[in-house]
Amino acid sequence: MGLRDDPFEYRVTRDGAVLVRRGGRLVVTVAGARAERLVALLGHDDETDQQLLARATGNYRRGNERRR
């Protein structure tokens, strides 16, 4: 199961934190300067957003975000 089958979802809170969910569960909350950088990069295209969210959660290191 990859990012296309089980994509990340995100929401930016009023205080600028980014809540990242996958499968209906909260995976990570990104806050502060890291959240500001992430928000600036999100929203351009879905595939790039999924890559960025995978990196933000730490799943990037597991290799599950690669294309096949």
PDB file of N, CA and C in Angstrom:
ATOM      1  N   MET A   1       0.853  -1.173   0.000  1.00  0.00           N
ATOM      2  CA  MET A   1       0.000   0.000   0.000  1.00  0.00           C
ATOM      3  C   MET A   1       0.897   1.235   0.000  1.00  0.00           C
ATOM      4  N   GLY A   2       0.691   2.119  -0.956  1.00  0.00           N
ATOM      5  CA  GLY A   2       1.532   3.303  -1.074  1.00  0.00           C
ATOM      6  C   GLY A   2       0.783   4.579  -0.766  1.00  0.00           C
ATOM      7  N   LEU A   3       1.415   5.667  -1.121  1.00  0.00           N
ATOM      8  CA  LEU A   3       0.829   6.976  -0.851  1.00  0.00           C
ATOM      9  C   LEU A   3      -0.431   7.222  -1.663  1.00  0.00           C
ATOM     10  N   ARG A   4      -0.521   6.629  -2.823  1.00  0.00           N
ATOM     11  CA  ARG A   4      -1.734   6.817  -3.632  1.00  0.00           C
ATOM     12  C   ARG A   4      -2.922   6.080  -3.031  1.00  0.00           C
ATOM     13  N   ASP A   5      -2.655   4.898  -2.484  1.00  0.00           N
ATOM     14  CA  ASP A   5      -3.726   4.094  -1.888  1.00  0.00           C
ATOM     15  C   ASP A   5      -4.137   4.596  -0.515  1.00  0.00           C
ATOM     16  N   ASP A   6      -3.192   5.144   0.229  1.00  0.00           N
ATOM     17  CA  ASP A   6      -3.437   5.601   1.592  1.00  0.00           C
ATOM     18  C   ASP A   6      -2.738   6.949   1.785  1.00  0.00           C
ATOM     19  N   PRO A   7      -3.299   8.017   1.215  1.00  0.00           N
ATOM     20  CA  PRO A   7      -2.613   9.314   1.242  1.00  0.00           C
ATOM     21  C   PRO A   7      -2.661   9.992   2.616  1.00  0.00           C
ATOM     22  N   PHE A   8      -1.735  10.894   2.805  1.00  0.00           N
ATOM     23  CA  PHE A   8      -1.728  11.740   3.986  1.00  0.00           C
ATOM     24  C   PHE A   8      -2.749  12.851   3.794  1.00  0.00           C
ATOM     25  N   GLU A   9      -3.304  13.324   4.895  1.00  0.00           N
ATOM     26  CA  GLU A   9      -4.177  14.497   4.903  1.00  0.00           C
ATOM     27  C   GLU A   9      -3.555  15.467   5.884  1.00  0.00           C
ATOM     28  N   TYR A  10      -3.800  16.759   5.681  1.00  0.00           N
ATOM     29  CA  TYR A  10      -3.247  17.718   6.629  1.00  0.00           C
ATOM     30  C   TYR A  10      -4.202  18.870   6.844  1.00  0.00           C
ATOM     31  N   ARG A  11      -4.020  19.523   7.987  1.00  0.00           N
ATOM     32  CA  ARG A  11      -4.804  20.702   8.312  1.00  0.00           C
ATOM     33  C   ARG A  11      -3.876  21.669   9.028  1.00  0.00           C
ATOM     34  N   VAL A  12      -3.975  22.944   8.648  1.00  0.00           N
ATOM     35  CA  VAL A  12      -3.182  23.980   9.296  1.00  0.00           C
ATOM     36  C   VAL A  12      -4.074  24.644  10.345  1.00  0.00           C
ATOM     37  N   THR A  13      -3.615  24.676  11.580  1.00  0.00           N
ATOM     38  CA  THR A  13      -4.392  25.270  12.667  1.00  0.00           C
ATOM     39  C   THR A  13      -4.220  26.787  12.673  1.00  0.00           C
ATOM     40  N   ARG A  14      -5.030  27.465  13.485  1.00  0.00           N
ATOM     41  CA  ARG A  14      -4.952  28.927  13.579  1.00  0.00           C
ATOM     42  C   ARG A  14      -3.583  29.403  14.047  1.00  0.00           C
ATOM     43  N   ASP A  15      -2.947  28.617  14.897  1.00  0.00           N
ATOM     44  CA  ASP A  15      -1.633  29.027  15.403  1.00  0.00           C
ATOM     45  C   ASP A  15      -0.487  28.616  14.482  1.00  0.00           C
ATOM     46  N   GLY A  16      -0.801  28.045  13.316  1.00  0.00           N
ATOM     47  CA  GLY A  16       0.206  27.738  12.309  1.00  0.00           C
ATOM     48  C   GLY A  16       0.772  26.334  12.366  1.00  0.00           C
ATOM     49  N   ALA A  17       0.317  25.518  13.296  1.00  0.00           N
ATOM     50  CA  ALA A  17       0.775  24.129  13.359  1.00  0.00           C
ATOM     51  C   ALA A  17       0.128  23.331  12.228  1.00  0.00           C
ATOM     52  N   VAL A  18       0.801  22.291  11.789  1.00  0.00           N
ATOM     53  CA  VAL A  18       0.281  21.424  10.735  1.00  0.00           C
ATOM     54  C   VAL A  18      -0.010  20.058  11.353  1.00  0.00           C
ATOM     55  N   LEU A  19      -1.276  19.647  11.310  1.00  0.00           N
ATOM     56  CA  LEU A  19      -1.689  18.337  11.808  1.00  0.00           C
ATOM     57  C   LEU A  19      -1.708  17.386  10.619  1.00  0.00           C
ATOM     58  N   VAL A  20      -0.905  16.359  10.669  1.00  0.00           N
ATOM     59  CA  VAL A  20      -0.796  15.405   9.568  1.00  0.00           C
ATOM     60  C   VAL A  20      -1.476  14.112   9.983  1.00  0.00           C
ATOM     61  N   ARG A  21      -2.411  13.651   9.161  1.00  0.00           N
ATOM     62  CA  ARG A  21      -3.161  12.429   9.428  1.00  0.00           C
ATOM     63  C   ARG A  21      -2.987  11.450   8.285  1.00  0.00           C
ATOM     64  N   ARG A  22      -3.103  10.177   8.626  1.00  0.00           N
ATOM     65  CA  ARG A  22      -3.112   9.132   7.610  1.00  0.00           C
ATOM     66  C   ARG A  22      -4.015   8.026   8.116  1.00  0.00           C
ATOM     67  N   GLY A  23      -4.918   7.599   7.294  1.00  0.00           N
ATOM     68  CA  GLY A  23      -5.866   6.564   7.703  1.00  0.00           C
ATOM     69  C   GLY A  23      -6.777   7.009   8.829  1.00  0.00           C
ATOM     70  N   GLY A  24      -7.041   8.316   8.903  1.00  0.00           N
ATOM     71  CA  GLY A  24      -7.920   8.844   9.924  1.00  0.00           C
ATOM     72  C   GLY A  24      -7.254   9.064  11.276  1.00  0.00           C
ATOM     73  N   ARG A  25      -5.982   8.745  11.390  1.00  0.00           N
ATOM     74  CA  ARG A  25      -5.261   8.891  12.661  1.00  0.00           C
ATOM     75  C   ARG A  25      -4.237  10.008  12.568  1.00  0.00           C
ATOM     76  N   LEU A  26      -4.103  10.739  13.657  1.00  0.00           N
ATOM     77  CA  LEU A  26      -3.088  11.781  13.736  1.00  0.00           C
ATOM     78  C   LEU A  26      -1.722  11.110  13.791  1.00  0.00           C
ATOM     79  N   VAL A  27      -0.856  11.476  12.841  1.00  0.00           N
ATOM     80  CA  VAL A  27       0.478  10.879  12.757  1.00  0.00           C
ATOM     81  C   VAL A  27       1.498  11.768  13.442  1.00  0.00           C
ATOM     82  N   VAL A  28       1.431  13.079  13.164  1.00  0.00           N
ATOM     83  CA  VAL A  28       2.404  14.010  13.724  1.00  0.00           C
ATOM     84  C   VAL A  28       1.827  15.418  13.697  1.00  0.00           C
ATOM     85  N   THR A  29       2.287  16.238  14.622  1.00  0.00           N
ATOM     86  CA  THR A  29       1.983  17.663  14.624  1.00  0.00           C
ATOM     87  C   THR A  29       3.291  18.389  14.399  1.00  0.00           C
ATOM     88  N   VAL A  30       3.338  19.186  13.344  1.00  0.00           N
ATOM     89  CA  VAL A  30       4.534  19.971  13.024  1.00  0.00           C
ATOM     90  C   VAL A  30       4.245  21.407  13.440  1.00  0.00           C
ATOM     91  N   ALA A  31       5.152  22.001  14.209  1.00  0.00           N
ATOM     92  CA  ALA A  31       4.925  23.353  14.708  1.00  0.00           C
ATOM     93  C   ALA A  31       6.169  24.209  14.500  1.00  0.00           C
ATOM     94  N   GLY A  32       6.006  25.495  14.773  1.00  0.00           N
ATOM     95  CA  GLY A  32       7.124  26.427  14.738  1.00  0.00           C
ATOM     96  C   GLY A  32       7.650  26.712  13.338  1.00  0.00           C
ATOM     97  N   ALA A  33       8.942  26.950  13.254  1.00  0.00           N
ATOM     98  CA  ALA A  33       9.580  27.296  11.977  1.00  0.00           C
ATOM     99  C   ALA A  33       9.460  26.164  10.967  1.00  0.00           C
ATOM    100  N   ARG A  34       9.512  24.937  11.461  1.00  0.00           N
ATOM    101  CA  ARG A  34       9.376  23.787  10.563  1.00  0.00           C
ATOM    102  C   ARG A  34       7.998  23.777   9.899  1.00  0.00           C
ATOM    103  N   ALA A  35       6.967  24.120  10.661  1.00  0.00           N
ATOM    104  CA  ALA A  35       5.605  24.183  10.119  1.00  0.00           C
ATOM    105  C   ALA A  35       5.480  25.311   9.103  1.00  0.00           C
ATOM    106  N   GLU A  36       6.088  26.438   9.388  1.00  0.00           N
ATOM    107  CA  GLU A  36       6.045  27.567   8.448  1.00  0.00           C
ATOM    108  C   GLU A  36       6.648  27.177   7.107  1.00  0.00           C
ATOM    109  N   ARG A  37       7.789  26.501   7.142  1.00  0.00           N
ATOM    110  CA  ARG A  37       8.429  26.055   5.895  1.00  0.00           C
ATOM    111  C   ARG A  37       7.556  25.055   5.158  1.00  0.00           C
ATOM    112  N   LEU A  38       6.947  24.127   5.908  1.00  0.00           N
ATOM    113  CA  LEU A  38       6.098  23.107   5.297  1.00  0.00           C
ATOM    114  C   LEU A  38       4.873  23.732   4.638  1.00  0.00           C
ATOM    115  N   VAL A  39       4.216  24.651   5.318  1.00  0.00           N
ATOM    116  CA  VAL A  39       3.022  25.311   4.774  1.00  0.00           C
ATOM    117  C   VAL A  39       3.366  26.063   3.487  1.00  0.00           C
ATOM    118  N   ALA A  40       4.529  26.700   3.462  1.00  0.00           N
ATOM    119  CA  ALA A  40       4.946  27.445   2.268  1.00  0.00           C
ATOM    120  C   ALA A  40       5.134  26.525   1.063  1.00  0.00           C
ATOM    121  N   LEU A  41       5.493  25.278   1.305  1.00  0.00           N
ATOM    122  CA  LEU A  41       5.748  24.338   0.214  1.00  0.00           C
ATOM    123  C   LEU A  41       4.513  23.543  -0.208  1.00  0.00           C
ATOM    124  N   LEU A  42       3.541  23.417   0.680  1.00  0.00           N
ATOM    125  CA  LEU A  42       2.342  22.618   0.390  1.00  0.00           C
ATOM    126  C   LEU A  42       1.367  23.355  -0.518  1.00  0.00           C
ATOM    127  N   GLY A  43       0.532  22.560  -1.211  1.00  0.00           N
ATOM    128  CA  GLY A  43      -0.565  23.125  -1.980  1.00  0.00           C
ATOM    129  C   GLY A  43      -0.308  23.307  -3.461  1.00  0.00           C
ATOM    130  N   HIS A  44       0.847  22.885  -3.939  1.00  0.00           N
ATOM    131  CA  HIS A  44       1.146  23.079  -5.357  1.00  0.00           C
ATOM    132  C   HIS A  44       0.667  21.915  -6.215  1.00  0.00           C
ATOM    133  N   ASP A  45       0.985  20.697  -5.826  1.00  0.00           N
ATOM    134  CA  ASP A  45       0.391  19.532  -6.479  1.00  0.00           C
ATOM    135  C   ASP A  45       0.374  18.379  -5.481  1.00  0.00           C
ATOM    136  N   ASP A  46      -0.565  17.477  -5.662  1.00  0.00           N
ATOM    137  CA  ASP A  46      -0.816  16.434  -4.672  1.00  0.00           C
ATOM    138  C   ASP A  46       0.372  15.499  -4.485  1.00  0.00           C
ATOM    139  N   GLU A  47       1.035  15.132  -5.555  1.00  0.00           N
ATOM    140  CA  GLU A  47       2.162  14.197  -5.439  1.00  0.00           C
ATOM    141  C   GLU A  47       3.296  14.809  -4.620  1.00  0.00           C
ATOM    142  N   THR A  48       3.602  16.062  -4.881  1.00  0.00           N
ATOM    143  CA  THR A  48       4.637  16.752  -4.115  1.00  0.00           C
ATOM    144  C   THR A  48       4.210  16.903  -2.661  1.00  0.00           C
ATOM    145  N   ASP A  49       2.949  17.240  -2.436  1.00  0.00           N
ATOM    146  CA  ASP A  49       2.435  17.357  -1.068  1.00  0.00           C
ATOM    147  C   ASP A  49       2.608  16.043  -0.316  1.00  0.00           C
ATOM    148  N   GLN A  50       2.299  14.930  -0.960  1.00  0.00           N
ATOM    149  CA  GLN A  50       2.427  13.628  -0.307  1.00  0.00           C
ATOM    150  C   GLN A  50       3.878  13.336   0.064  1.00  0.00           C
ATOM    151  N   GLN A  51       4.804  13.698  -0.803  1.00  0.00           N
ATOM    152  CA  GLN A  51       6.229  13.508  -0.514  1.00  0.00           C
ATOM    153  C   GLN A  51       6.651  14.352   0.689  1.00  0.00           C
ATOM    154  N   LEU A  52       6.212  15.604   0.707  1.00  0.00           N
ATOM    155  CA  LEU A  52       6.561  16.499   1.811  1.00  0.00           C
ATOM    156  C   LEU A  52       5.980  16.017   3.130  1.00  0.00           C
ATOM    157  N   LEU A  53       4.739  15.554   3.101  1.00  0.00           N
ATOM    158  CA  LEU A  53       4.100  15.061   4.320  1.00  0.00           C
ATOM    159  C   LEU A  53       4.758  13.775   4.806  1.00  0.00           C
ATOM    160  N   ALA A  54       5.165  12.910   3.879  1.00  0.00           N
ATOM    161  CA  ALA A  54       5.871  11.685   4.264  1.00  0.00           C
ATOM    162  C   ALA A  54       7.189  12.043   4.956  1.00  0.00           C
ATOM    163  N   ARG A  55       7.894  13.013   4.424  1.00  0.00           N
ATOM    164  CA  ARG A  55       9.149  13.442   5.047  1.00  0.00           C
ATOM    165  C   ARG A  55       8.899  14.038   6.423  1.00  0.00           C
ATOM    166  N   ALA A  56       7.844  14.819   6.551  1.00  0.00           N
ATOM    167  CA  ALA A  56       7.531  15.456   7.836  1.00  0.00           C
ATOM    168  C   ALA A  56       7.202  14.424   8.912  1.00  0.00           C
ATOM    169  N   THR A  57       6.647  13.282   8.513  1.00  0.00           N
ATOM    170  CA  THR A  57       6.280  12.258   9.487  1.00  0.00           C
ATOM    171  C   THR A  57       7.423  11.317   9.815  1.00  0.00           C
ATOM    172  N   GLY A  58       8.463  11.356   9.027  1.00  0.00           N
ATOM    173  CA  GLY A  58       9.564  10.425   9.233  1.00  0.00           C
ATOM    174  C   GLY A  58       9.427   9.174   8.389  1.00  0.00           C
ATOM    175  N   ASN A  59       8.308   9.003   7.690  1.00  0.00           N
ATOM    176  CA  ASN A  59       8.117   7.831   6.845  1.00  0.00           C
ATOM    177  C   ASN A  59       9.013   7.862   5.617  1.00  0.00           C
ATOM    178  N   TYR A  60       9.578   8.984   5.306  1.00  0.00           N
ATOM    179  CA  TYR A  60      10.475   9.110   4.169  1.00  0.00           C
ATOM    180  C   TYR A  60      11.664   8.167   4.323  1.00  0.00           C
ATOM    181  N   ARG A  61      12.161   8.037   5.530  1.00  0.00           N
ATOM    182  CA  ARG A  61      13.324   7.182   5.767  1.00  0.00           C
ATOM    183  C   ARG A  61      13.006   5.713   5.552  1.00  0.00           C
ATOM    184  N   ARG A  62      11.747   5.355   5.589  1.00  0.00           N
ATOM    185  CA  ARG A  62      11.381   3.954   5.409  1.00  0.00           C
ATOM    186  C   ARG A  62      11.266   3.584   3.935  1.00  0.00           C
ATOM    187  N   GLY A  63      11.273   4.584   3.070  1.00  0.00           N
ATOM    188  CA  GLY A  63      11.244   4.308   1.634  1.00  0.00           C
ATOM    189  C   GLY A  63       9.865   4.077   1.065  1.00  0.00           C
ATOM    190  N   ASN A  64       8.803   4.254   1.846  1.00  0.00           N
ATOM    191  CA  ASN A  64       7.469   3.970   1.331  1.00  0.00           C
ATOM    192  C   ASN A  64       6.920   5.076   0.451  1.00  0.00           C
ATOM    193  N   GLU A  65       7.677   6.122   0.220  1.00  0.00           N
ATOM    194  CA  GLU A  65       7.196   7.205  -0.619  1.00  0.00           C
ATOM    195  C   GLU A  65       7.743   7.125  -2.041  1.00  0.00           C
ATOM    196  N   ARG A  66       8.581   6.164  -2.325  1.00  0.00           N
ATOM    197  CA  ARG A  66       9.197   6.071  -3.651  1.00  0.00           C
ATOM    198  C   ARG A  66       8.190   5.662  -4.715  1.00  0.00           C
ATOM    199  N   ARG A  67       8.460   6.135  -5.913  1.00  0.00           N
ATOM    200  CA  ARG A  67       7.663   5.699  -7.059  1.00  0.00           C
ATOM    201  C   ARG A  67       8.132   4.327  -7.484  1.00  0.00           C
ATOM    202  N   ARG A  68       7.238   3.569  -8.085  1.00  0.00           N
ATOM    203  CA  ARG A  68       7.630   2.233  -8.565  1.00  0.00           C
ATOM    204  C   ARG A  68       7.667   2.226 -10.050  1.00  0.00           C
TER     205      ARG A  68
END
